[in-house]
Amino acid sequence: MEIVNRKMGVVMGKAYIERVNLNCPICKKIVSVLPSRLKKTKTIYCGKDCANIGQTTSKRFEFKCEECGVKFKAKKDHGADRRFCSRKCFCANSPDYAEKECPQCGDIFKPIKSS
């Protein structure tokens, strides 16, 4: 085996790109990855077990529900603050799910969102 260039060369007729060694943030094992993979993800884990642990223990923030006022912890949702503690509180606060009065008979009903 002969490497023509350390960064990119040919090994036994196949292209060779030098890998980068990183430590798994959970178990500290050394993980060897291609440089292109570092551009796609922020954190590299050694396997699925460590990835699951890393994703379930990610940083959670404390929020206050706008509907009921209860304090709850959750991950940030795409950079935005979480507003409600549950689906029930979300639906109670949403104008699409609010109770309305029928203009013909005067009965109060909850509209159903069409799909």
N, C-alpha and C. Protein backbone atom coordinates (compact mmCIF):
# COMPACT_ATOMS: atom_id res chain seq x y z
N MET A 1 0.84 -1.18 0.00
CA MET A 1 0.00 0.00 0.00
C MET A 1 0.87 1.23 0.00
N GLU A 2 0.58 2.08 -0.95
CA GLU A 2 1.37 3.29 -1.04
C GLU A 2 0.44 4.49 -1.15
N ILE A 3 0.65 5.46 -0.30
CA ILE A 3 -0.17 6.67 -0.33
C ILE A 3 0.62 7.74 -1.08
N VAL A 4 0.03 8.23 -2.18
CA VAL A 4 0.71 9.22 -2.99
C VAL A 4 0.70 10.57 -2.28
N ASN A 5 -0.44 10.97 -1.72
CA ASN A 5 -0.57 12.26 -1.04
C ASN A 5 -1.28 11.99 0.28
N ARG A 6 -0.82 12.60 1.37
CA ARG A 6 -1.44 12.32 2.67
C ARG A 6 -2.88 12.80 2.74
N LYS A 7 -3.20 13.95 2.14
CA LYS A 7 -4.55 14.49 2.22
C LYS A 7 -5.49 13.73 1.29
N MET A 8 -5.09 13.52 0.07
CA MET A 8 -5.91 12.75 -0.85
C MET A 8 -4.98 12.03 -1.80
N GLY A 9 -5.10 10.73 -1.84
CA GLY A 9 -4.20 9.96 -2.67
C GLY A 9 -4.89 8.73 -3.19
N VAL A 10 -4.10 7.75 -3.58
CA VAL A 10 -4.64 6.52 -4.12
C VAL A 10 -4.04 5.36 -3.34
N VAL A 11 -4.92 4.50 -2.81
CA VAL A 11 -4.47 3.31 -2.11
C VAL A 11 -5.09 2.13 -2.85
N MET A 12 -4.26 1.30 -3.40
CA MET A 12 -4.70 0.11 -4.14
C MET A 12 -5.77 0.46 -5.18
N GLY A 13 -5.55 1.56 -5.91
CA GLY A 13 -6.45 1.94 -6.99
C GLY A 13 -7.71 2.68 -6.55
N LYS A 14 -7.89 2.92 -5.23
CA LYS A 14 -9.08 3.62 -4.74
C LYS A 14 -8.69 4.96 -4.13
N ALA A 15 -9.59 5.95 -4.23
CA ALA A 15 -9.32 7.27 -3.66
C ALA A 15 -9.22 7.14 -2.14
N TYR A 16 -8.32 7.89 -1.56
CA TYR A 16 -8.09 7.85 -0.12
C TYR A 16 -8.18 9.28 0.43
N ILE A 17 -9.01 9.47 1.43
CA ILE A 17 -9.10 10.75 2.11
C ILE A 17 -8.75 10.50 3.58
N GLU A 18 -7.87 11.30 4.10
CA GLU A 18 -7.45 11.12 5.50
C GLU A 18 -8.61 11.40 6.45
N ARG A 19 -8.78 10.55 7.43
CA ARG A 19 -9.87 10.68 8.41
C ARG A 19 -9.44 11.53 9.60
N VAL A 20 -10.43 12.04 10.31
CA VAL A 20 -10.19 12.86 11.49
C VAL A 20 -10.58 12.03 12.71
N ASN A 21 -9.75 12.01 13.74
CA ASN A 21 -10.05 11.28 14.97
C ASN A 21 -10.66 12.21 16.00
N LEU A 22 -11.82 11.82 16.54
CA LEU A 22 -12.51 12.59 17.57
C LEU A 22 -12.86 11.67 18.73
N ASN A 23 -13.15 12.26 19.88
CA ASN A 23 -13.60 11.48 21.04
C ASN A 23 -15.12 11.53 21.12
N CYS A 24 -15.74 10.38 21.38
CA CYS A 24 -17.19 10.32 21.61
C CYS A 24 -17.49 11.11 22.88
N PRO A 25 -18.46 12.04 22.86
CA PRO A 25 -18.72 12.85 24.04
C PRO A 25 -19.30 12.08 25.23
N ILE A 26 -19.80 10.86 25.00
CA ILE A 26 -20.40 10.07 26.08
C ILE A 26 -19.37 9.12 26.70
N CYS A 27 -18.77 8.23 25.88
CA CYS A 27 -17.88 7.20 26.43
C CYS A 27 -16.40 7.51 26.22
N LYS A 28 -16.09 8.56 25.49
CA LYS A 28 -14.71 9.02 25.22
C LYS A 28 -13.90 8.08 24.33
N LYS A 29 -14.57 7.14 23.61
CA LYS A 29 -13.85 6.30 22.65
C LYS A 29 -13.42 7.16 21.47
N ILE A 30 -12.36 6.76 20.79
CA ILE A 30 -11.89 7.48 19.61
C ILE A 30 -12.73 7.04 18.41
N VAL A 31 -13.25 8.02 17.68
CA VAL A 31 -14.08 7.77 16.50
C VAL A 31 -13.37 8.37 15.30
N SER A 32 -13.20 7.60 14.25
CA SER A 32 -12.53 8.06 13.04
C SER A 32 -13.59 8.38 11.99
N VAL A 33 -13.65 9.64 11.52
CA VAL A 33 -14.68 10.06 10.56
C VAL A 33 -14.05 10.84 9.42
N LEU A 34 -14.79 10.91 8.32
CA LEU A 34 -14.37 11.71 7.18
C LEU A 34 -14.62 13.19 7.48
N PRO A 35 -13.78 14.08 6.97
CA PRO A 35 -13.98 15.51 7.21
C PRO A 35 -15.35 16.02 6.72
N SER A 36 -15.89 15.43 5.68
CA SER A 36 -17.19 15.87 5.15
C SER A 36 -18.32 15.60 6.14
N ARG A 37 -18.16 14.58 6.99
CA ARG A 37 -19.20 14.27 7.98
C ARG A 37 -19.25 15.34 9.08
N LEU A 38 -18.13 15.98 9.35
CA LEU A 38 -18.11 17.03 10.36
C LEU A 38 -18.89 18.25 9.91
N LYS A 39 -19.03 18.45 8.61
CA LYS A 39 -19.79 19.58 8.09
C LYS A 39 -21.29 19.36 8.26
N LYS A 40 -21.72 18.09 8.30
CA LYS A 40 -23.15 17.77 8.35
C LYS A 40 -23.71 17.74 9.77
N THR A 41 -22.92 17.34 10.75
CA THR A 41 -23.43 17.20 12.12
C THR A 41 -22.53 17.93 13.11
N LYS A 42 -23.12 18.34 14.22
CA LYS A 42 -22.36 19.04 15.25
C LYS A 42 -21.61 18.07 16.15
N THR A 43 -22.26 16.93 16.47
CA THR A 43 -21.69 15.99 17.42
C THR A 43 -21.57 14.62 16.77
N ILE A 44 -20.44 13.97 16.97
CA ILE A 44 -20.20 12.63 16.44
C ILE A 44 -20.13 11.65 17.61
N TYR A 45 -20.96 10.60 17.54
CA TYR A 45 -20.97 9.56 18.57
C TYR A 45 -20.35 8.28 18.00
N CYS A 46 -19.93 7.38 18.88
CA CYS A 46 -19.29 6.14 18.44
C CYS A 46 -20.31 5.12 17.95
N GLY A 47 -21.55 5.21 18.39
CA GLY A 47 -22.58 4.26 17.98
C GLY A 47 -23.96 4.72 18.40
N LYS A 48 -24.96 3.86 18.13
CA LYS A 48 -26.35 4.21 18.42
C LYS A 48 -26.61 4.35 19.92
N ASP A 49 -26.00 3.52 20.73
CA ASP A 49 -26.24 3.59 22.18
C ASP A 49 -25.81 4.95 22.74
N CYS A 50 -24.62 5.40 22.37
CA CYS A 50 -24.15 6.70 22.85
C CYS A 50 -24.96 7.85 22.24
N ALA A 51 -25.37 7.70 20.98
CA ALA A 51 -26.19 8.74 20.33
C ALA A 51 -27.53 8.88 21.05
N ASN A 52 -28.14 7.77 21.43
CA ASN A 52 -29.41 7.83 22.16
C ASN A 52 -29.25 8.52 23.51
N ILE A 53 -28.17 8.19 24.21
CA ILE A 53 -27.92 8.83 25.50
C ILE A 53 -27.68 10.33 25.30
N GLY A 54 -26.91 10.69 24.30
CA GLY A 54 -26.60 12.09 24.03
C GLY A 54 -27.82 12.90 23.65
N GLN A 55 -28.75 12.30 22.93
CA GLN A 55 -29.93 13.04 22.50
C GLN A 55 -30.96 13.16 23.62
N THR A 56 -31.04 12.20 24.51
CA THR A 56 -32.02 12.30 25.59
C THR A 56 -31.53 13.17 26.74
N THR A 57 -30.23 13.40 26.81
CA THR A 57 -29.70 14.23 27.90
C THR A 57 -29.30 15.61 27.40
N SER A 58 -29.81 16.00 26.23
CA SER A 58 -29.45 17.32 25.72
C SER A 58 -30.08 18.40 26.60
N LYS A 59 -29.56 19.59 26.49
CA LYS A 59 -29.93 20.68 27.39
C LYS A 59 -31.42 21.02 27.28
N ARG A 60 -32.09 21.07 28.42
CA ARG A 60 -33.50 21.44 28.49
C ARG A 60 -33.62 22.78 29.22
N PHE A 61 -34.58 23.55 28.80
CA PHE A 61 -34.80 24.88 29.37
C PHE A 61 -36.14 24.91 30.08
N GLU A 62 -36.27 25.83 31.04
CA GLU A 62 -37.53 25.95 31.78
C GLU A 62 -38.38 27.03 31.12
N PHE A 63 -39.65 26.69 30.87
CA PHE A 63 -40.61 27.60 30.27
C PHE A 63 -41.84 27.70 31.15
N LYS A 64 -42.65 28.73 30.92
CA LYS A 64 -43.92 28.89 31.63
C LYS A 64 -45.04 28.83 30.60
N CYS A 65 -46.01 27.94 30.83
CA CYS A 65 -47.13 27.75 29.91
C CYS A 65 -47.98 29.02 29.86
N GLU A 66 -48.28 29.49 28.65
CA GLU A 66 -49.08 30.71 28.48
C GLU A 66 -50.55 30.48 28.83
N GLU A 67 -51.00 29.24 28.81
CA GLU A 67 -52.41 28.94 29.08
C GLU A 67 -52.67 28.72 30.57
N CYS A 68 -51.93 27.79 31.19
CA CYS A 68 -52.22 27.42 32.58
C CYS A 68 -51.20 27.97 33.59
N GLY A 69 -50.05 28.48 33.11
CA GLY A 69 -49.07 29.07 34.00
C GLY A 69 -48.12 28.09 34.65
N VAL A 70 -48.20 26.81 34.33
CA VAL A 70 -47.33 25.80 34.92
C VAL A 70 -45.93 25.91 34.33
N LYS A 71 -44.90 25.77 35.17
CA LYS A 71 -43.52 25.76 34.69
C LYS A 71 -43.18 24.34 34.23
N PHE A 72 -42.52 24.23 33.07
CA PHE A 72 -42.14 22.92 32.54
C PHE A 72 -40.80 23.03 31.84
N LYS A 73 -40.11 21.89 31.72
CA LYS A 73 -38.81 21.85 31.04
C LYS A 73 -38.97 21.17 29.70
N ALA A 74 -38.30 21.74 28.68
CA ALA A 74 -38.34 21.17 27.33
C ALA A 74 -37.15 21.67 26.53
N LYS A 75 -36.88 21.01 25.42
CA LYS A 75 -35.85 21.46 24.50
C LYS A 75 -36.38 22.67 23.75
N LYS A 76 -35.47 23.49 23.27
CA LYS A 76 -35.89 24.61 22.43
C LYS A 76 -36.37 24.04 21.11
N ASP A 77 -37.47 24.56 20.62
CA ASP A 77 -38.09 24.05 19.39
C ASP A 77 -37.63 24.89 18.21
N HIS A 78 -36.61 24.42 17.50
CA HIS A 78 -36.06 25.11 16.34
C HIS A 78 -35.66 26.54 16.68
N GLY A 79 -35.12 26.74 17.85
CA GLY A 79 -34.65 28.05 18.26
C GLY A 79 -35.71 28.93 18.91
N ALA A 80 -36.97 28.55 18.82
CA ALA A 80 -38.05 29.35 19.41
C ALA A 80 -38.38 28.83 20.81
N ASP A 81 -38.90 29.69 21.64
CA ASP A 81 -39.31 29.28 22.98
C ASP A 81 -40.60 28.48 22.91
N ARG A 82 -40.71 27.49 23.77
CA ARG A 82 -41.94 26.70 23.87
C ARG A 82 -42.99 27.52 24.60
N ARG A 83 -44.22 27.51 24.13
CA ARG A 83 -45.26 28.36 24.73
C ARG A 83 -46.24 27.58 25.59
N PHE A 84 -46.44 26.29 25.33
CA PHE A 84 -47.47 25.53 26.03
C PHE A 84 -46.90 24.22 26.57
N CYS A 85 -47.43 23.79 27.71
CA CYS A 85 -46.93 22.58 28.37
C CYS A 85 -47.52 21.30 27.79
N SER A 86 -48.66 21.39 27.12
CA SER A 86 -49.31 20.19 26.60
C SER A 86 -50.15 20.52 25.37
N ARG A 87 -50.61 19.49 24.71
CA ARG A 87 -51.48 19.66 23.54
C ARG A 87 -52.81 20.29 23.96
N LYS A 88 -53.29 19.93 25.14
CA LYS A 88 -54.55 20.47 25.65
C LYS A 88 -54.47 22.00 25.78
N CYS A 89 -53.36 22.49 26.36
CA CYS A 89 -53.18 23.93 26.52
C CYS A 89 -53.00 24.62 25.16
N PHE A 90 -52.33 23.95 24.24
CA PHE A 90 -52.15 24.51 22.90
C PHE A 90 -53.50 24.68 22.21
N CYS A 91 -54.33 23.65 22.27
CA CYS A 91 -55.64 23.70 21.62
C CYS A 91 -56.56 24.74 22.28
N ALA A 92 -56.46 24.88 23.59
CA ALA A 92 -57.30 25.85 24.30
C ALA A 92 -56.92 27.28 23.90
N ASN A 93 -55.66 27.50 23.54
CA ASN A 93 -55.19 28.83 23.20
C ASN A 93 -55.26 29.13 21.71
N SER A 94 -55.42 28.12 20.88
CA SER A 94 -55.41 28.29 19.44
C SER A 94 -56.76 28.79 18.93
N PRO A 95 -56.79 29.81 18.08
CA PRO A 95 -58.06 30.30 17.55
C PRO A 95 -58.76 29.27 16.67
N ASP A 96 -58.00 28.34 16.08
CA ASP A 96 -58.61 27.30 15.24
C ASP A 96 -59.44 26.33 16.06
N TYR A 97 -59.11 26.16 17.35
CA TYR A 97 -59.80 25.20 18.20
C TYR A 97 -60.74 25.87 19.22
N ALA A 98 -60.83 27.18 19.20
CA ALA A 98 -61.66 27.89 20.19
C ALA A 98 -63.14 27.63 19.93
N GLU A 99 -63.92 27.65 21.00
CA GLU A 99 -65.37 27.46 20.87
C GLU A 99 -65.97 28.65 20.13
N LYS A 100 -66.93 28.33 19.24
CA LYS A 100 -67.59 29.38 18.45
C LYS A 100 -69.09 29.24 18.57
N GLU A 101 -69.77 30.32 18.25
CA GLU A 101 -71.23 30.31 18.28
C GLU A 101 -71.75 30.19 16.86
N CYS A 102 -72.72 29.29 16.67
CA CYS A 102 -73.34 29.09 15.36
C CYS A 102 -74.18 30.33 15.02
N PRO A 103 -73.95 30.93 13.85
CA PRO A 103 -74.70 32.12 13.49
C PRO A 103 -76.19 31.86 13.22
N GLN A 104 -76.56 30.61 12.93
CA GLN A 104 -77.97 30.31 12.62
C GLN A 104 -78.78 29.95 13.86
N CYS A 105 -78.25 29.01 14.68
CA CYS A 105 -79.05 28.53 15.82
C CYS A 105 -78.56 29.05 17.17
N GLY A 106 -77.33 29.58 17.23
CA GLY A 106 -76.81 30.12 18.48
C GLY A 106 -76.13 29.10 19.37
N ASP A 107 -76.09 27.82 18.96
CA ASP A 107 -75.40 26.79 19.75
C ASP A 107 -73.88 27.05 19.75
N ILE A 108 -73.22 26.65 20.84
CA ILE A 108 -71.77 26.77 20.94
C ILE A 108 -71.15 25.43 20.56
N PHE A 109 -70.11 25.49 19.71
CA PHE A 109 -69.46 24.27 19.24
C PHE A 109 -67.97 24.50 19.08
N LYS A 110 -67.21 23.38 19.00
CA LYS A 110 -65.78 23.43 18.72
C LYS A 110 -65.59 23.00 17.27
N PRO A 111 -65.00 23.84 16.45
CA PRO A 111 -64.79 23.45 15.05
C PRO A 111 -63.74 22.37 14.91
N ILE A 112 -63.89 21.56 13.89
CA ILE A 112 -62.91 20.50 13.59
C ILE A 112 -62.12 20.95 12.39
N LYS A 113 -60.80 20.87 12.53
CA LYS A 113 -59.92 21.26 11.43
C LYS A 113 -60.05 20.27 10.30
N SER A 114 -60.27 20.74 9.08
CA SER A 114 -60.36 19.83 7.94
C SER A 114 -58.97 19.44 7.50
N SER A 115 -58.86 18.27 6.91
CA SER A 115 -57.54 17.81 6.48
C SER A 115 -57.36 17.97 5.00
